[in-house]
Amino acid sequence: MMNDPIVDEVRNNGLALAARYNNNIEAICKALREREQTSERMIVNRAPHRLAPKGLDAIAEPVAPVG
């Protein structure tokens, strides 16, 4: 299997982030939430929606979006 340098970089960044917070998922999530709040990038939060079961697309009634 061939190594992809982009995948390797993403994995290494994830490992470095986890190491910075002693692999504590709560601390990692808190830091990422704080970073999200201070970022100037637009944050998109889409409401969940239901998918029709496969094969029933033609007979299933559309489901209205929640929210």
PDB file of N, CA and C in Angstrom:
ATOM      1  N   MET A   1       0.847  -1.179   0.000  1.00  0.00           N
ATOM      2  CA  MET A   1       0.000   0.000   0.000  1.00  0.00           C
ATOM      3  C   MET A   1       0.890   1.239   0.000  1.00  0.00           C
ATOM      4  N   MET A   2       0.533   2.196  -0.819  1.00  0.00           N
ATOM      5  CA  MET A   2       1.331   3.403  -0.963  1.00  0.00           C
ATOM      6  C   MET A   2       0.980   4.435   0.118  1.00  0.00           C
ATOM      7  N   ASN A   3       1.995   5.075   0.673  1.00  0.00           N
ATOM      8  CA  ASN A   3       1.754   6.135   1.646  1.00  0.00           C
ATOM      9  C   ASN A   3       1.445   7.434   0.924  1.00  0.00           C
ATOM     10  N   ASP A   4       0.438   8.112   1.401  1.00  0.00           N
ATOM     11  CA  ASP A   4       0.053   9.405   0.847  1.00  0.00           C
ATOM     12  C   ASP A   4       0.605  10.484   1.774  1.00  0.00           C
ATOM     13  N   PRO A   5       1.435  11.410   1.266  1.00  0.00           N
ATOM     14  CA  PRO A   5       2.035  12.419   2.138  1.00  0.00           C
ATOM     15  C   PRO A   5       0.995  13.335   2.798  1.00  0.00           C
ATOM     16  N   ILE A   6      -0.118  13.575   2.146  1.00  0.00           N
ATOM     17  CA  ILE A   6      -1.154  14.434   2.738  1.00  0.00           C
ATOM     18  C   ILE A   6      -1.819  13.709   3.904  1.00  0.00           C
ATOM     19  N   VAL A   7      -2.144  12.439   3.718  1.00  0.00           N
ATOM     20  CA  VAL A   7      -2.741  11.651   4.794  1.00  0.00           C
ATOM     21  C   VAL A   7      -1.768  11.547   5.958  1.00  0.00           C
ATOM     22  N   ASP A   8      -0.501  11.326   5.663  1.00  0.00           N
ATOM     23  CA  ASP A   8       0.515  11.255   6.723  1.00  0.00           C
ATOM     24  C   ASP A   8       0.579  12.563   7.504  1.00  0.00           C
ATOM     25  N   GLU A   9       0.528  13.681   6.796  1.00  0.00           N
ATOM     26  CA  GLU A   9       0.582  14.984   7.471  1.00  0.00           C
ATOM     27  C   GLU A   9      -0.628  15.194   8.370  1.00  0.00           C
ATOM     28  N   VAL A  10      -1.818  14.846   7.884  1.00  0.00           N
ATOM     29  CA  VAL A  10      -3.040  15.002   8.685  1.00  0.00           C
ATOM     30  C   VAL A  10      -2.959  14.125   9.935  1.00  0.00           C
ATOM     31  N   ARG A  11      -2.528  12.879   9.765  1.00  0.00           N
ATOM     32  CA  ARG A  11      -2.403  11.981  10.920  1.00  0.00           C
ATOM     33  C   ARG A  11      -1.383  12.490  11.918  1.00  0.00           C
ATOM     34  N   ASN A  12      -0.240  12.977  11.426  1.00  0.00           N
ATOM     35  CA  ASN A  12       0.782  13.511  12.328  1.00  0.00           C
ATOM     36  C   ASN A  12       0.290  14.742  13.074  1.00  0.00           C
ATOM     37  N   ASN A  13      -0.473  15.591  12.393  1.00  0.00           N
ATOM     38  CA  ASN A  13      -1.040  16.771  13.066  1.00  0.00           C
ATOM     39  C   ASN A  13      -2.017  16.345  14.155  1.00  0.00           C
ATOM     40  N   GLY A  14      -2.819  15.320  13.882  1.00  0.00           N
ATOM     41  CA  GLY A  14      -3.754  14.811  14.888  1.00  0.00           C
ATOM     42  C   GLY A  14      -3.025  14.224  16.090  1.00  0.00           C
ATOM     43  N   LEU A  15      -1.966  13.482  15.826  1.00  0.00           N
ATOM     44  CA  LEU A  15      -1.180  12.911  16.918  1.00  0.00           C
ATOM     45  C   LEU A  15      -0.505  14.003  17.748  1.00  0.00           C
ATOM     46  N   ALA A  16      -0.023  15.041  17.076  1.00  0.00           N
ATOM     47  CA  ALA A  16       0.621  16.148  17.798  1.00  0.00           C
ATOM     48  C   ALA A  16      -0.392  16.885  18.665  1.00  0.00           C
ATOM     49  N   LEU A  17      -1.594  17.090  18.140  1.00  0.00           N
ATOM     50  CA  LEU A  17      -2.647  17.761  18.909  1.00  0.00           C
ATOM     51  C   LEU A  17      -3.002  16.927  20.137  1.00  0.00           C
ATOM     52  N   ALA A  18      -3.173  15.628  19.946  1.00  0.00           N
ATOM     53  CA  ALA A  18      -3.504  14.747  21.060  1.00  0.00           C
ATOM     54  C   ALA A  18      -2.388  14.758  22.108  1.00  0.00           C
ATOM     55  N   ALA A  19      -1.145  14.739  21.674  1.00  0.00           N
ATOM     56  CA  ALA A  19      -0.016  14.753  22.605  1.00  0.00           C
ATOM     57  C   ALA A  19       0.039  16.057  23.390  1.00  0.00           C
ATOM     58  N   ARG A  20      -0.311  17.161  22.721  1.00  0.00           N
ATOM     59  CA  ARG A  20      -0.280  18.468  23.387  1.00  0.00           C
ATOM     60  C   ARG A  20      -1.241  18.507  24.573  1.00  0.00           C
ATOM     61  N   TYR A  21      -2.345  17.741  24.492  1.00  0.00           N
ATOM     62  CA  TYR A  21      -3.345  17.720  25.556  1.00  0.00           C
ATOM     63  C   TYR A  21      -3.349  16.374  26.295  1.00  0.00           C
ATOM     64  N   ASN A  22      -2.217  15.674  26.287  1.00  0.00           N
ATOM     65  CA  ASN A  22      -2.040  14.410  27.000  1.00  0.00           C
ATOM     66  C   ASN A  22      -3.131  13.389  26.645  1.00  0.00           C
ATOM     67  N   ASN A  23      -3.540  13.381  25.388  1.00  0.00           N
ATOM     68  CA  ASN A  23      -4.552  12.449  24.886  1.00  0.00           C
ATOM     69  C   ASN A  23      -5.873  12.539  25.650  1.00  0.00           C
ATOM     70  N   ASN A  24      -6.156  13.692  26.229  1.00  0.00           N
ATOM     71  CA  ASN A  24      -7.399  13.917  26.975  1.00  0.00           C
ATOM     72  C   ASN A  24      -8.424  14.491  25.998  1.00  0.00           C
ATOM     73  N   ILE A  25      -9.401  13.678  25.629  1.00  0.00           N
ATOM     74  CA  ILE A  25     -10.366  14.089  24.612  1.00  0.00           C
ATOM     75  C   ILE A  25     -11.176  15.304  25.053  1.00  0.00           C
ATOM     76  N   GLU A  26     -11.481  15.422  26.331  1.00  0.00           N
ATOM     77  CA  GLU A  26     -12.234  16.587  26.810  1.00  0.00           C
ATOM     78  C   GLU A  26     -11.424  17.870  26.635  1.00  0.00           C
ATOM     79  N   ALA A  27     -10.139  17.819  26.935  1.00  0.00           N
ATOM     80  CA  ALA A  27      -9.274  18.990  26.778  1.00  0.00           C
ATOM     81  C   ALA A  27      -9.090  19.339  25.305  1.00  0.00           C
ATOM     82  N   ILE A  28      -8.987  18.322  24.457  1.00  0.00           N
ATOM     83  CA  ILE A  28      -8.843  18.559  23.017  1.00  0.00           C
ATOM     84  C   ILE A  28     -10.091  19.242  22.481  1.00  0.00           C
ATOM     85  N   CYS A  29     -11.264  18.720  22.841  1.00  0.00           N
ATOM     86  CA  CYS A  29     -12.528  19.302  22.367  1.00  0.00           C
ATOM     87  C   CYS A  29     -12.704  20.732  22.860  1.00  0.00           C
ATOM     88  N   LYS A  30     -12.345  20.985  24.118  1.00  0.00           N
ATOM     89  CA  LYS A  30     -12.454  22.331  24.673  1.00  0.00           C
ATOM     90  C   LYS A  30     -11.556  23.298  23.890  1.00  0.00           C
ATOM     91  N   ALA A  31     -10.329  22.879  23.619  1.00  0.00           N
ATOM     92  CA  ALA A  31      -9.396  23.727  22.873  1.00  0.00           C
ATOM     93  C   ALA A  31      -9.906  23.985  21.454  1.00  0.00           C
ATOM     94  N   LEU A  32     -10.463  22.965  20.816  1.00  0.00           N
ATOM     95  CA  LEU A  32     -10.980  23.149  19.458  1.00  0.00           C
ATOM     96  C   LEU A  32     -12.207  24.064  19.443  1.00  0.00           C
ATOM     97  N   ARG A  33     -13.069  23.944  20.464  1.00  0.00           N
ATOM     98  CA  ARG A  33     -14.231  24.846  20.548  1.00  0.00           C
ATOM     99  C   ARG A  33     -13.775  26.293  20.733  1.00  0.00           C
ATOM    100  N   GLU A  34     -12.765  26.504  21.587  1.00  0.00           N
ATOM    101  CA  GLU A  34     -12.241  27.856  21.804  1.00  0.00           C
ATOM    102  C   GLU A  34     -11.633  28.401  20.515  1.00  0.00           C
ATOM    103  N   ARG A  35     -10.910  27.561  19.807  1.00  0.00           N
ATOM    104  CA  ARG A  35     -10.307  27.987  18.537  1.00  0.00           C
ATOM    105  C   ARG A  35     -11.390  28.337  17.515  1.00  0.00           C
ATOM    106  N   GLU A  36     -12.461  27.559  17.511  1.00  0.00           N
ATOM    107  CA  GLU A  36     -13.572  27.809  16.601  1.00  0.00           C
ATOM    108  C   GLU A  36     -14.204  29.177  16.890  1.00  0.00           C
ATOM    109  N   GLN A  37     -14.356  29.509  18.172  1.00  0.00           N
ATOM    110  CA  GLN A  37     -14.973  30.779  18.555  1.00  0.00           C
ATOM    111  C   GLN A  37     -14.113  31.989  18.193  1.00  0.00           C
ATOM    112  N   THR A  38     -12.802  31.833  18.221  1.00  0.00           N
ATOM    113  CA  THR A  38     -11.917  32.963  17.931  1.00  0.00           C
ATOM    114  C   THR A  38     -11.549  33.062  16.459  1.00  0.00           C
ATOM    115  N   SER A  39     -11.930  32.059  15.693  1.00  0.00           N
ATOM    116  CA  SER A  39     -11.614  32.054  14.268  1.00  0.00           C
ATOM    117  C   SER A  39     -12.490  33.064  13.519  1.00  0.00           C
ATOM    118  N   GLU A  40     -11.937  33.626  12.485  1.00  0.00           N
ATOM    119  CA  GLU A  40     -12.707  34.554  11.657  1.00  0.00           C
ATOM    120  C   GLU A  40     -13.374  33.833  10.488  1.00  0.00           C
ATOM    121  N   ARG A  41     -13.188  32.525  10.409  1.00  0.00           N
ATOM    122  CA  ARG A  41     -13.810  31.758   9.338  1.00  0.00           C
ATOM    123  C   ARG A  41     -15.291  31.549   9.625  1.00  0.00           C
ATOM    124  N   MET A  42     -16.080  31.460   8.559  1.00  0.00           N
ATOM    125  CA  MET A  42     -17.501  31.215   8.716  1.00  0.00           C
ATOM    126  C   MET A  42     -17.715  29.759   9.142  1.00  0.00           C
ATOM    127  N   ILE A  43     -18.539  29.570  10.152  1.00  0.00           N
ATOM    128  CA  ILE A  43     -18.839  28.237  10.650  1.00  0.00           C
ATOM    129  C   ILE A  43     -20.218  27.849  10.139  1.00  0.00           C
ATOM    130  N   VAL A  44     -20.301  26.681   9.509  1.00  0.00           N
ATOM    131  CA  VAL A  44     -21.559  26.199   8.962  1.00  0.00           C
ATOM    132  C   VAL A  44     -22.051  25.060   9.836  1.00  0.00           C
ATOM    133  N   ASN A  45     -23.284  25.158  10.288  1.00  0.00           N
ATOM    134  CA  ASN A  45     -23.882  24.122  11.107  1.00  0.00           C
ATOM    135  C   ASN A  45     -25.198  23.724  10.450  1.00  0.00           C
ATOM    136  N   ARG A  46     -25.195  22.618   9.791  1.00  0.00           N
ATOM    137  CA  ARG A  46     -26.387  22.174   9.089  1.00  0.00           C
ATOM    138  C   ARG A  46     -27.231  21.274   9.990  1.00  0.00           C
ATOM    139  N   ALA A  47     -28.538  21.469   9.911  1.00  0.00           N
ATOM    140  CA  ALA A  47     -29.452  20.641  10.692  1.00  0.00           C
ATOM    141  C   ALA A  47     -29.467  19.225  10.110  1.00  0.00           C
ATOM    142  N   PRO A  48     -29.588  18.229  10.957  1.00  0.00           N
ATOM    143  CA  PRO A  48     -29.652  16.859  10.446  1.00  0.00           C
ATOM    144  C   PRO A  48     -30.938  16.633   9.658  1.00  0.00           C
ATOM    145  N   HIS A  49     -30.900  15.707   8.745  1.00  0.00           N
ATOM    146  CA  HIS A  49     -32.099  15.360   7.979  1.00  0.00           C
ATOM    147  C   HIS A  49     -32.159  13.857   7.790  1.00  0.00           C
ATOM    148  N   ARG A  50     -33.352  13.367   7.579  1.00  0.00           N
ATOM    149  CA  ARG A  50     -33.554  11.928   7.410  1.00  0.00           C
ATOM    150  C   ARG A  50     -33.415  11.561   5.944  1.00  0.00           C
ATOM    151  N   LEU A  51     -32.845  10.404   5.704  1.00  0.00           N
ATOM    152  CA  LEU A  51     -32.719   9.882   4.358  1.00  0.00           C
ATOM    153  C   LEU A  51     -33.749   8.788   4.160  1.00  0.00           C
ATOM    154  N   ALA A  52     -34.327   8.745   2.970  1.00  0.00           N
ATOM    155  CA  ALA A  52     -35.281   7.682   2.659  1.00  0.00           C
ATOM    156  C   ALA A  52     -34.528   6.375   2.483  1.00  0.00           C
ATOM    157  N   PRO A  53     -35.114   5.268   2.899  1.00  0.00           N
ATOM    158  CA  PRO A  53     -34.460   3.972   2.682  1.00  0.00           C
ATOM    159  C   PRO A  53     -34.255   3.724   1.191  1.00  0.00           C
ATOM    160  N   LYS A  54     -33.186   3.037   0.836  1.00  0.00           N
ATOM    161  CA  LYS A  54     -32.915   2.748  -0.567  1.00  0.00           C
ATOM    162  C   LYS A  54     -34.036   1.895  -1.148  1.00  0.00           C
ATOM    163  N   GLY A  55     -34.392   2.188  -2.397  1.00  0.00           N
ATOM    164  CA  GLY A  55     -35.415   1.422  -3.077  1.00  0.00           C
ATOM    165  C   GLY A  55     -36.812   1.969  -2.872  1.00  0.00           C
ATOM    166  N   LEU A  56     -36.982   2.841  -1.888  1.00  0.00           N
ATOM    167  CA  LEU A  56     -38.302   3.403  -1.622  1.00  0.00           C
ATOM    168  C   LEU A  56     -38.391   4.867  -2.027  1.00  0.00           C
ATOM    169  N   ASP A  57     -37.388   5.353  -2.766  1.00  0.00           N
ATOM    170  CA  ASP A  57     -37.349   6.761  -3.136  1.00  0.00           C
ATOM    171  C   ASP A  57     -38.607   7.203  -3.867  1.00  0.00           C
ATOM    172  N   ALA A  58     -39.121   6.357  -4.758  1.00  0.00           N
ATOM    173  CA  ALA A  58     -40.260   6.739  -5.574  1.00  0.00           C
ATOM    174  C   ALA A  58     -41.551   6.769  -4.782  1.00  0.00           C
ATOM    175  N   ILE A  59     -41.688   5.954  -3.729  1.00  0.00           N
ATOM    176  CA  ILE A  59     -42.959   5.894  -3.011  1.00  0.00           C
ATOM    177  C   ILE A  59     -42.913   6.626  -1.679  1.00  0.00           C
ATOM    178  N   ALA A  60     -41.735   6.977  -1.202  1.00  0.00           N
ATOM    179  CA  ALA A  60     -41.621   7.660   0.072  1.00  0.00           C
ATOM    180  C   ALA A  60     -42.021   9.109  -0.075  1.00  0.00           C
ATOM    181  N   GLU A  61     -42.738   9.603   0.911  1.00  0.00           N
ATOM    182  CA  GLU A  61     -43.107  11.018   0.915  1.00  0.00           C
ATOM    183  C   GLU A  61     -41.911  11.820   1.383  1.00  0.00           C
ATOM    184  N   PRO A  62     -41.740  13.033   0.857  1.00  0.00           N
ATOM    185  CA  PRO A  62     -40.610  13.854   1.295  1.00  0.00           C
ATOM    186  C   PRO A  62     -40.718  14.175   2.781  1.00  0.00           C
ATOM    187  N   VAL A  63     -39.595  14.232   3.440  1.00  0.00           N
ATOM    188  CA  VAL A  63     -39.546  14.564   4.851  1.00  0.00           C
ATOM    189  C   VAL A  63     -39.147  16.020   4.985  1.00  0.00           C
ATOM    190  N   ALA A  64     -39.939  16.777   5.716  1.00  0.00           N
ATOM    191  CA  ALA A  64     -39.645  18.196   5.918  1.00  0.00           C
ATOM    192  C   ALA A  64     -38.417  18.341   6.800  1.00  0.00           C
ATOM    193  N   PRO A  65     -37.545  19.327   6.515  1.00  0.00           N
ATOM    194  CA  PRO A  65     -36.367  19.528   7.354  1.00  0.00           C
ATOM    195  C   PRO A  65     -36.753  19.887   8.777  1.00  0.00           C
ATOM    196  N   VAL A  66     -35.965  19.436   9.725  1.00  0.00           N
ATOM    197  CA  VAL A  66     -36.202  19.721  11.125  1.00  0.00           C
ATOM    198  C   VAL A  66     -35.606  21.076  11.457  1.00  0.00           C
ATOM    199  N   GLY A  67     -36.355  21.878  12.176  1.00  0.00           N
ATOM    200  CA  GLY A  67     -35.794  23.155  12.637  1.00  0.00           C
ATOM    201  C   GLY A  67     -36.183  24.293  11.876  1.00  0.00           C
TER     202      GLY A  67
END
